Amino acid sequence: MPDGVSIMVKVQPKSRRPGVLGVAPSAQGPRLRLGVSEPAEAERANQAVIALVARLLSVPVGAGSIAVGETSRQKLVHVIGSADAIGPVLASL
């Protein structure tokens, strides 16, 4: 997608430890493991994932969206912004 970066994530809803939980392998490549305390109902977990990614990358919540996998634990999150600014922050996670 243009104007930003796409991040492959694996989400753990109702996690006791919200935040970055590490990296998970997948057939498509490594995914950032994220825990959110919200349940996977009524889009609450998706909204929490977007808010968490926005906070980690220091971008507004409105800059993030779920591009693929709205009903799956494996998602593709797209963040609008400068790839040059977001890339190093993402690499540090």
N, C-alpha and C. Protein backbone atom coordinates (compact mmCIF):
# COMPACT_ATOMS: atom_id res chain seq x y z
N MET A 1 0.85 -1.19 0.00
CA MET A 1 0.00 0.00 0.00
C MET A 1 0.89 1.24 0.00
N PRO A 2 0.48 2.28 -0.69
CA PRO A 2 1.29 3.49 -0.73
C PRO A 2 1.15 4.30 0.56
N ASP A 3 2.07 5.23 0.76
CA ASP A 3 2.00 6.17 1.88
C ASP A 3 2.00 5.51 3.24
N GLY A 4 3.02 4.76 3.55
CA GLY A 4 3.11 4.17 4.87
C GLY A 4 3.75 2.81 4.85
N VAL A 5 3.48 2.06 5.91
CA VAL A 5 4.03 0.72 6.04
C VAL A 5 2.91 -0.25 6.41
N SER A 6 3.10 -1.50 6.04
CA SER A 6 2.18 -2.56 6.44
C SER A 6 2.94 -3.50 7.36
N ILE A 7 2.30 -3.90 8.45
CA ILE A 7 2.93 -4.71 9.47
C ILE A 7 2.12 -5.99 9.66
N MET A 8 2.78 -7.13 9.54
CA MET A 8 2.10 -8.40 9.81
C MET A 8 2.14 -8.63 11.32
N VAL A 9 0.96 -8.87 11.90
CA VAL A 9 0.87 -9.09 13.35
C VAL A 9 0.07 -10.34 13.65
N LYS A 10 0.33 -10.91 14.80
CA LYS A 10 -0.49 -11.99 15.36
C LYS A 10 -0.99 -11.48 16.69
N VAL A 11 -2.31 -11.48 16.86
CA VAL A 11 -2.94 -10.84 18.01
C VAL A 11 -3.41 -11.87 19.02
N GLN A 12 -3.18 -11.59 20.30
CA GLN A 12 -3.68 -12.40 21.40
C GLN A 12 -4.73 -11.56 22.13
N PRO A 13 -6.03 -11.74 21.80
CA PRO A 13 -7.06 -11.00 22.53
C PRO A 13 -7.16 -11.50 23.97
N LYS A 14 -7.70 -10.67 24.83
CA LYS A 14 -7.88 -10.99 26.26
C LYS A 14 -6.57 -11.41 26.91
N SER A 15 -5.51 -10.76 26.53
CA SER A 15 -4.19 -11.07 27.05
C SER A 15 -4.01 -10.48 28.45
N ARG A 16 -3.35 -11.23 29.30
CA ARG A 16 -3.03 -10.71 30.64
C ARG A 16 -1.90 -9.70 30.58
N ARG A 17 -1.08 -9.80 29.51
CA ARG A 17 0.05 -8.88 29.34
C ARG A 17 -0.11 -8.12 28.03
N PRO A 18 -0.87 -7.04 28.01
CA PRO A 18 -1.01 -6.28 26.76
C PRO A 18 0.33 -5.66 26.35
N GLY A 19 0.53 -5.57 25.06
CA GLY A 19 1.74 -4.97 24.52
C GLY A 19 2.43 -5.90 23.55
N VAL A 20 3.69 -5.65 23.28
CA VAL A 20 4.47 -6.47 22.36
C VAL A 20 4.92 -7.73 23.10
N LEU A 21 4.60 -8.89 22.54
CA LEU A 21 4.91 -10.17 23.17
C LEU A 21 6.04 -10.91 22.46
N GLY A 22 6.59 -10.32 21.42
CA GLY A 22 7.68 -10.96 20.69
C GLY A 22 7.38 -11.07 19.22
N VAL A 23 7.98 -12.08 18.59
CA VAL A 23 7.81 -12.33 17.16
C VAL A 23 7.35 -13.77 16.99
N ALA A 24 6.37 -13.97 16.12
CA ALA A 24 5.84 -15.31 15.84
C ALA A 24 6.14 -15.67 14.39
N PRO A 25 6.62 -16.89 14.14
CA PRO A 25 6.85 -17.32 12.76
C PRO A 25 5.51 -17.62 12.08
N SER A 26 5.46 -17.43 10.78
CA SER A 26 4.29 -17.80 10.00
C SER A 26 4.75 -18.17 8.59
N ALA A 27 3.85 -18.73 7.81
CA ALA A 27 4.19 -19.12 6.44
C ALA A 27 4.57 -17.91 5.59
N GLN A 28 4.02 -16.73 5.92
CA GLN A 28 4.31 -15.51 5.16
C GLN A 28 5.54 -14.77 5.67
N GLY A 29 6.11 -15.22 6.76
CA GLY A 29 7.26 -14.55 7.36
C GLY A 29 6.98 -14.21 8.81
N PRO A 30 7.94 -13.61 9.50
CA PRO A 30 7.74 -13.30 10.92
C PRO A 30 6.62 -12.27 11.13
N ARG A 31 5.89 -12.46 12.21
CA ARG A 31 4.81 -11.54 12.58
C ARG A 31 5.09 -10.99 13.98
N LEU A 32 4.79 -9.73 14.18
CA LEU A 32 4.91 -9.12 15.49
C LEU A 32 3.76 -9.63 16.36
N ARG A 33 4.07 -10.23 17.50
CA ARG A 33 3.04 -10.74 18.41
C ARG A 33 2.59 -9.61 19.32
N LEU A 34 1.29 -9.33 19.31
CA LEU A 34 0.72 -8.27 20.13
C LEU A 34 -0.36 -8.84 21.02
N GLY A 35 -0.35 -8.43 22.28
CA GLY A 35 -1.41 -8.80 23.20
C GLY A 35 -2.27 -7.58 23.49
N VAL A 36 -3.58 -7.79 23.48
CA VAL A 36 -4.51 -6.72 23.86
C VAL A 36 -5.46 -7.28 24.90
N SER A 37 -5.87 -6.48 25.84
CA SER A 37 -6.73 -6.96 26.92
C SER A 37 -8.19 -7.07 26.51
N GLU A 38 -8.57 -6.46 25.41
CA GLU A 38 -9.95 -6.48 24.95
C GLU A 38 -10.30 -7.82 24.30
N PRO A 39 -11.56 -8.24 24.41
CA PRO A 39 -11.98 -9.48 23.75
C PRO A 39 -12.19 -9.26 22.25
N ALA A 40 -12.21 -10.35 21.52
CA ALA A 40 -12.37 -10.29 20.06
C ALA A 40 -13.85 -10.26 19.71
N GLU A 41 -14.56 -9.29 20.20
CA GLU A 41 -15.98 -9.15 19.88
C GLU A 41 -16.28 -7.68 19.63
N ALA A 42 -17.17 -7.43 18.71
CA ALA A 42 -17.61 -6.08 18.36
C ALA A 42 -16.45 -5.15 18.00
N GLU A 43 -15.45 -5.72 17.30
CA GLU A 43 -14.30 -4.93 16.81
C GLU A 43 -13.43 -4.34 17.94
N ARG A 44 -13.67 -4.72 19.18
CA ARG A 44 -12.90 -4.13 20.29
C ARG A 44 -11.43 -4.49 20.21
N ALA A 45 -11.12 -5.74 19.89
CA ALA A 45 -9.71 -6.14 19.80
C ALA A 45 -9.02 -5.44 18.63
N ASN A 46 -9.71 -5.31 17.49
CA ASN A 46 -9.12 -4.61 16.34
C ASN A 46 -8.81 -3.16 16.69
N GLN A 47 -9.72 -2.50 17.36
CA GLN A 47 -9.48 -1.10 17.76
C GLN A 47 -8.31 -1.01 18.73
N ALA A 48 -8.20 -1.99 19.63
CA ALA A 48 -7.08 -1.99 20.57
C ALA A 48 -5.76 -2.24 19.85
N VAL A 49 -5.76 -3.10 18.83
CA VAL A 49 -4.54 -3.35 18.06
C VAL A 49 -4.09 -2.08 17.36
N ILE A 50 -5.03 -1.39 16.74
CA ILE A 50 -4.69 -0.15 16.04
C ILE A 50 -4.15 0.89 17.02
N ALA A 51 -4.77 1.00 18.18
CA ALA A 51 -4.31 1.96 19.19
C ALA A 51 -2.92 1.59 19.70
N LEU A 52 -2.67 0.30 19.91
CA LEU A 52 -1.36 -0.14 20.38
C LEU A 52 -0.28 0.13 19.34
N VAL A 53 -0.54 -0.21 18.09
CA VAL A 53 0.45 0.04 17.03
C VAL A 53 0.71 1.53 16.89
N ALA A 54 -0.35 2.34 16.95
CA ALA A 54 -0.18 3.79 16.83
C ALA A 54 0.69 4.32 17.97
N ARG A 55 0.44 3.82 19.19
CA ARG A 55 1.23 4.28 20.33
C ARG A 55 2.69 3.85 20.19
N LEU A 56 2.93 2.61 19.75
CA LEU A 56 4.30 2.12 19.59
C LEU A 56 5.08 2.91 18.54
N LEU A 57 4.38 3.31 17.48
CA LEU A 57 5.05 4.02 16.37
C LEU A 57 4.94 5.54 16.48
N SER A 58 4.31 6.02 17.54
CA SER A 58 4.14 7.47 17.77
C SER A 58 3.44 8.16 16.60
N VAL A 59 2.33 7.57 16.17
CA VAL A 59 1.50 8.16 15.12
C VAL A 59 0.08 8.27 15.67
N PRO A 60 -0.76 9.12 15.07
CA PRO A 60 -2.15 9.21 15.51
C PRO A 60 -2.90 7.90 15.27
N VAL A 61 -3.87 7.61 16.10
CA VAL A 61 -4.68 6.40 15.97
C VAL A 61 -5.34 6.35 14.59
N GLY A 62 -5.74 7.48 14.07
CA GLY A 62 -6.39 7.53 12.76
C GLY A 62 -5.48 7.15 11.61
N ALA A 63 -4.18 7.05 11.87
CA ALA A 63 -3.24 6.68 10.82
C ALA A 63 -3.18 5.17 10.60
N GLY A 64 -3.79 4.40 11.50
CA GLY A 64 -3.72 2.95 11.40
C GLY A 64 -5.05 2.33 10.98
N SER A 65 -4.97 1.18 10.30
CA SER A 65 -6.17 0.45 9.91
C SER A 65 -5.82 -1.02 9.72
N ILE A 66 -6.83 -1.87 9.85
CA ILE A 66 -6.64 -3.30 9.57
C ILE A 66 -6.88 -3.48 8.08
N ALA A 67 -5.83 -3.84 7.35
CA ALA A 67 -5.94 -4.02 5.90
C ALA A 67 -6.44 -5.41 5.54
N VAL A 68 -5.99 -6.42 6.29
CA VAL A 68 -6.37 -7.81 6.03
C VAL A 68 -6.52 -8.52 7.37
N GLY A 69 -7.54 -9.36 7.50
CA GLY A 69 -7.67 -10.21 8.68
C GLY A 69 -8.51 -9.65 9.80
N GLU A 70 -9.55 -8.93 9.49
CA GLU A 70 -10.38 -8.33 10.54
C GLU A 70 -10.96 -9.35 11.51
N THR A 71 -11.23 -10.57 11.03
CA THR A 71 -11.82 -11.59 11.90
C THR A 71 -10.82 -12.69 12.27
N SER A 72 -9.55 -12.47 11.98
CA SER A 72 -8.51 -13.46 12.24
C SER A 72 -7.53 -12.94 13.27
N ARG A 73 -6.80 -13.83 13.91
CA ARG A 73 -5.74 -13.39 14.81
C ARG A 73 -4.53 -12.89 14.03
N GLN A 74 -4.37 -13.39 12.81
CA GLN A 74 -3.27 -12.93 11.97
C GLN A 74 -3.79 -11.80 11.09
N LYS A 75 -3.19 -10.63 11.24
CA LYS A 75 -3.68 -9.43 10.57
C LYS A 75 -2.55 -8.71 9.84
N LEU A 76 -2.94 -7.88 8.92
CA LEU A 76 -2.02 -6.97 8.27
C LEU A 76 -2.51 -5.57 8.64
N VAL A 77 -1.69 -4.85 9.40
CA VAL A 77 -2.03 -3.51 9.85
C VAL A 77 -1.29 -2.51 8.97
N HIS A 78 -2.03 -1.58 8.40
CA HIS A 78 -1.41 -0.54 7.57
C HIS A 78 -1.36 0.75 8.38
N VAL A 79 -0.19 1.39 8.37
CA VAL A 79 -0.01 2.66 9.09
C VAL A 79 0.42 3.71 8.09
N ILE A 80 -0.35 4.78 8.01
CA ILE A 80 -0.02 5.89 7.12
C ILE A 80 1.06 6.74 7.77
N GLY A 81 2.08 7.07 7.01
CA GLY A 81 3.17 7.90 7.52
C GLY A 81 4.41 7.66 6.70
N SER A 82 5.47 8.30 7.08
CA SER A 82 6.74 8.19 6.38
C SER A 82 7.40 6.87 6.74
N ALA A 83 7.66 6.05 5.73
CA ALA A 83 8.33 4.77 5.95
C ALA A 83 9.73 5.00 6.52
N ASP A 84 10.35 6.11 6.17
CA ASP A 84 11.69 6.42 6.69
C ASP A 84 11.64 6.69 8.19
N ALA A 85 10.55 7.26 8.68
CA ALA A 85 10.42 7.55 10.11
C ALA A 85 9.91 6.34 10.88
N ILE A 86 8.98 5.60 10.29
CA ILE A 86 8.36 4.48 10.98
C ILE A 86 9.26 3.25 10.97
N GLY A 87 9.99 3.02 9.89
CA GLY A 87 10.83 1.84 9.73
C GLY A 87 11.79 1.58 10.87
N PRO A 88 12.61 2.56 11.27
CA PRO A 88 13.55 2.33 12.37
C PRO A 88 12.86 2.02 13.71
N VAL A 89 11.75 2.65 13.98
CA VAL A 89 11.00 2.37 15.21
C VAL A 89 10.48 0.96 15.18
N LEU A 90 9.94 0.55 14.04
CA LEU A 90 9.41 -0.80 13.88
C LEU A 90 10.51 -1.84 14.02
N ALA A 91 11.67 -1.57 13.45
CA ALA A 91 12.80 -2.50 13.53
C ALA A 91 13.27 -2.69 14.97
N SER A 92 13.12 -1.66 15.80
CA SER A 92 13.57 -1.75 17.19
C SER A 92 12.64 -2.60 18.05
N LEU A 93 11.43 -2.87 17.55
CA LEU A 93 10.48 -3.68 18.32
C LEU A 93 10.85 -5.14 18.18
